[in-house]
C-alpha atoms as a PDB file:
ATOM      1  CA  UNK A   1      46.713  13.656  26.451  1.00  0.00           C
ATOM      2  CA  UNK A   2      48.209  15.493  23.553  1.00  0.00           C
ATOM      3  CA  UNK A   3      46.705  18.606  22.035  1.00  0.00           C
ATOM      4  CA  UNK A   4      46.370  18.154  18.278  1.00  0.00           C
ATOM      5  CA  UNK A   5      45.062  21.663  17.566  1.00  0.00           C
ATOM      6  CA  UNK A   6      43.489  24.707  19.157  1.00  0.00           C
ATOM      7  CA  UNK A   7      40.521  26.545  17.641  1.00  0.00           C
ATOM      8  CA  UNK A   8      41.002  30.266  17.033  1.00  0.00           C
ATOM      9  CA  UNK A   9      37.858  31.191  15.089  1.00  0.00           C
ATOM     10  CA  UNK A  10      34.588  32.671  16.179  1.00  0.00           C
ATOM     11  CA  UNK A  11      31.746  31.610  13.872  1.00  0.00           C
ATOM     12  CA  UNK A  12      29.791  28.359  13.471  1.00  0.00           C
ATOM     13  CA  UNK A  13      31.104  28.015   9.911  1.00  0.00           C
ATOM     14  CA  UNK A  14      34.681  28.160  11.213  1.00  0.00           C
ATOM     15  CA  UNK A  15      33.884  25.451  13.782  1.00  0.00           C
ATOM     16  CA  UNK A  16      32.492  23.195  11.042  1.00  0.00           C
ATOM     17  CA  UNK A  17      35.545  23.731   8.804  1.00  0.00           C
ATOM     18  CA  UNK A  18      37.985  23.318  11.709  1.00  0.00           C
ATOM     19  CA  UNK A  19      36.489  20.036  12.922  1.00  0.00           C
ATOM     20  CA  UNK A  20      36.241  18.697   9.373  1.00  0.00           C
ATOM     21  CA  UNK A  21      39.952  19.380   8.922  1.00  0.00           C
ATOM     22  CA  UNK A  22      40.849  17.842  12.282  1.00  0.00           C
ATOM     23  CA  UNK A  23      38.816  14.690  11.577  1.00  0.00           C
ATOM     24  CA  UNK A  24      41.340  13.856   8.866  1.00  0.00           C
ATOM     25  CA  UNK A  25      44.139  13.863  11.474  1.00  0.00           C
ATOM     26  CA  UNK A  26      42.374  12.275  14.445  1.00  0.00           C
ATOM     27  CA  UNK A  27      41.082   8.786  15.102  1.00  0.00           C
ATOM     28  CA  UNK A  28      37.352   8.301  15.775  1.00  0.00           C
ATOM     29  CA  UNK A  29      36.069  10.788  18.332  1.00  0.00           C
ATOM     30  CA  UNK A  30      35.231   9.401  21.767  1.00  0.00           C
ATOM     31  CA  UNK A  31      33.857  12.290  23.850  1.00  0.00           C
ATOM     32  CA  UNK A  32      33.427  16.038  24.263  1.00  0.00           C
ATOM     33  CA  UNK A  33      34.461  17.440  27.647  1.00  0.00           C
ATOM     34  CA  UNK A  34      32.985  20.844  28.538  1.00  0.00           C
ATOM     35  CA  UNK A  35      34.749  22.617  31.411  1.00  0.00           C
ATOM     36  CA  UNK A  36      34.292  26.049  32.913  1.00  0.00           C
ATOM     37  CA  UNK A  37      37.097  27.539  30.782  1.00  0.00           C
ATOM     38  CA  UNK A  38      37.226  25.447  27.583  1.00  0.00           C
ATOM     39  CA  UNK A  39      35.792  22.559  25.582  1.00  0.00           C
ATOM     40  CA  UNK A  40      37.882  19.583  24.474  1.00  0.00           C
ATOM     41  CA  UNK A  41      37.054  17.020  21.795  1.00  0.00           C
ATOM     42  CA  UNK A  42      38.940  13.789  22.552  1.00  0.00           C
ATOM     43  CA  UNK A  43      39.561  10.869  20.174  1.00  0.00           C
ATOM     44  CA  UNK A  44      40.142   7.181  21.019  1.00  0.00           C
ATOM     45  CA  UNK A  45      43.915   7.736  21.336  1.00  0.00           C
ATOM     46  CA  UNK A  46      43.346  10.643  23.754  1.00  0.00           C
ATOM     47  CA  UNK A  47      44.488  13.257  21.261  1.00  0.00           C
ATOM     48  CA  UNK A  48      42.357  16.319  21.699  1.00  0.00           C
ATOM     49  CA  UNK A  49      41.167  19.440  19.933  1.00  0.00           C
ATOM     50  CA  UNK A  50      40.704  22.422  22.257  1.00  0.00           C
ATOM     51  CA  UNK A  51      38.121  25.196  21.986  1.00  0.00           C
ATOM     52  CA  UNK A  52      39.254  27.886  24.461  1.00  0.00           C
ATOM     53  CA  UNK A  53      36.502  30.005  26.035  1.00  0.00           C
ATOM     54  CA  UNK A  54      33.753  27.835  24.484  1.00  0.00           C
ATOM     55  CA  UNK A  55      31.908  26.707  27.582  1.00  0.00           C
ATOM     56  CA  UNK A  56      28.412  26.550  29.075  1.00  0.00           C
ATOM     57  CA  UNK A  57      26.219  29.281  27.597  1.00  0.00           C
ATOM     58  CA  UNK A  58      28.584  30.053  24.697  1.00  0.00           C
ATOM     59  CA  UNK A  59      26.805  30.281  21.308  1.00  0.00           C
ATOM     60  CA  UNK A  60      29.327  27.923  19.629  1.00  0.00           C
ATOM     61  CA  UNK A  61      28.920  25.073  22.121  1.00  0.00           C
ATOM     62  CA  UNK A  62      25.981  23.476  20.329  1.00  0.00           C
ATOM     63  CA  UNK A  63      27.848  23.614  17.009  1.00  0.00           C
ATOM     64  CA  UNK A  64      30.877  21.885  18.556  1.00  0.00           C
ATOM     65  CA  UNK A  65      28.691  19.165  20.069  1.00  0.00           C
ATOM     66  CA  UNK A  66      26.735  18.623  16.863  1.00  0.00           C
ATOM     67  CA  UNK A  67      29.795  18.529  14.592  1.00  0.00           C
ATOM     68  CA  UNK A  68      31.672  16.183  16.929  1.00  0.00           C
ATOM     69  CA  UNK A  69      28.725  13.778  16.854  1.00  0.00           C
ATOM     70  CA  UNK A  70      28.069  14.065  20.586  1.00  0.00           C
ATOM     71  CA  UNK A  71      24.875  12.778  22.155  1.00  0.00           C
ATOM     72  CA  UNK A  72      23.226  15.651  24.014  1.00  0.00           C
ATOM     73  CA  UNK A  73      19.821  16.878  25.083  1.00  0.00           C
ATOM     74  CA  UNK A  74      19.098  20.180  23.288  1.00  0.00           C
ATOM     75  CA  UNK A  75      16.995  21.340  26.221  1.00  0.00           C
ATOM     76  CA  UNK A  76      19.722  21.237  28.871  1.00  0.00           C
ATOM     77  CA  UNK A  77      23.200  20.915  27.339  1.00  0.00           C
ATOM     78  CA  UNK A  78      24.018  24.504  28.366  1.00  0.00           C
ATOM     79  CA  UNK A  79      23.433  23.919  32.079  1.00  0.00           C
ATOM     80  CA  UNK A  80      26.608  23.245  34.055  1.00  0.00           C
ATOM     81  CA  UNK A  81      26.447  20.184  36.295  1.00  0.00           C
ATOM     82  CA  UNK A  82      25.823  20.838  39.979  1.00  0.00           C
ATOM     83  CA  UNK A  83      28.965  20.499  42.089  1.00  0.00           C
ATOM     84  CA  UNK A  84      31.223  19.477  39.192  1.00  0.00           C
ATOM     85  CA  UNK A  85      33.728  21.336  37.062  1.00  0.00           C
ATOM     86  CA  UNK A  86      33.170  19.399  33.825  1.00  0.00           C
ATOM     87  CA  UNK A  87      30.465  17.653  31.858  1.00  0.00           C
ATOM     88  CA  UNK A  88      31.145  14.882  29.330  1.00  0.00           C
ATOM     89  CA  UNK A  89      29.144  14.016  26.233  1.00  0.00           C
ATOM     90  CA  UNK A  90      29.810  10.721  24.451  1.00  0.00           C
ATOM     91  CA  UNK A  91      30.290  10.692  20.688  1.00  0.00           C
ATOM     92  CA  UNK A  92      28.555   8.211  18.453  1.00  0.00           C
ATOM     93  CA  UNK A  93      29.525   6.806  15.090  1.00  0.00           C
ATOM     94  CA  UNK A  94      28.472   9.475  12.685  1.00  0.00           C
ATOM     95  CA  UNK A  95      29.623   8.811   9.156  1.00  0.00           C
ATOM     96  CA  UNK A  96      29.974   5.605   7.185  1.00  0.00           C
ATOM     97  CA  UNK A  97      33.387   4.558   5.951  1.00  0.00           C
ATOM     98  CA  UNK A  98      34.698   6.729   3.077  1.00  0.00           C
ATOM     99  CA  UNK A  99      31.841   9.252   3.329  1.00  0.00           C
ATOM    100  CA  UNK A 100      34.236  12.080   2.497  1.00  0.00           C
ATOM    101  CA  UNK A 101      35.389  10.456  -0.746  1.00  0.00           C
ATOM    102  CA  UNK A 102      31.950  10.371  -2.384  1.00  0.00           C
ATOM    103  CA  UNK A 103      31.381  13.235  -4.778  1.00  0.00           C
END
C-alpha cells in the first residue's frame, strides 16, 4: 500500500477539506480501517490517506467515516472490537459522476 497523504489538521472542517482534496487524486474509496494508533482511508488501488492519532473515541473519527462514505452504526462505531487491533468499515458509492463540476 502506498500512502498518498497524511492529515495534519485538527478540526472537522479541515477533515472535510482534506478528504475533498484527496478525492481528486484517489480512485473510488473502498474502506476505512481504524486501528489503535491511526485511521486509514483506502481506495480501490490500495492507495491510502492516513489520519494519525484519530482512533476509537477521537472526536474526528465520525467526520472521517462520514466524509469517506463509510457504512457505520452511529451507536457503536467508537467501540473497539474485542480481541482485534483494527476495525474496517466499507465505503459505498456516494456521489454521482461529475457531482463536483455542477455549479
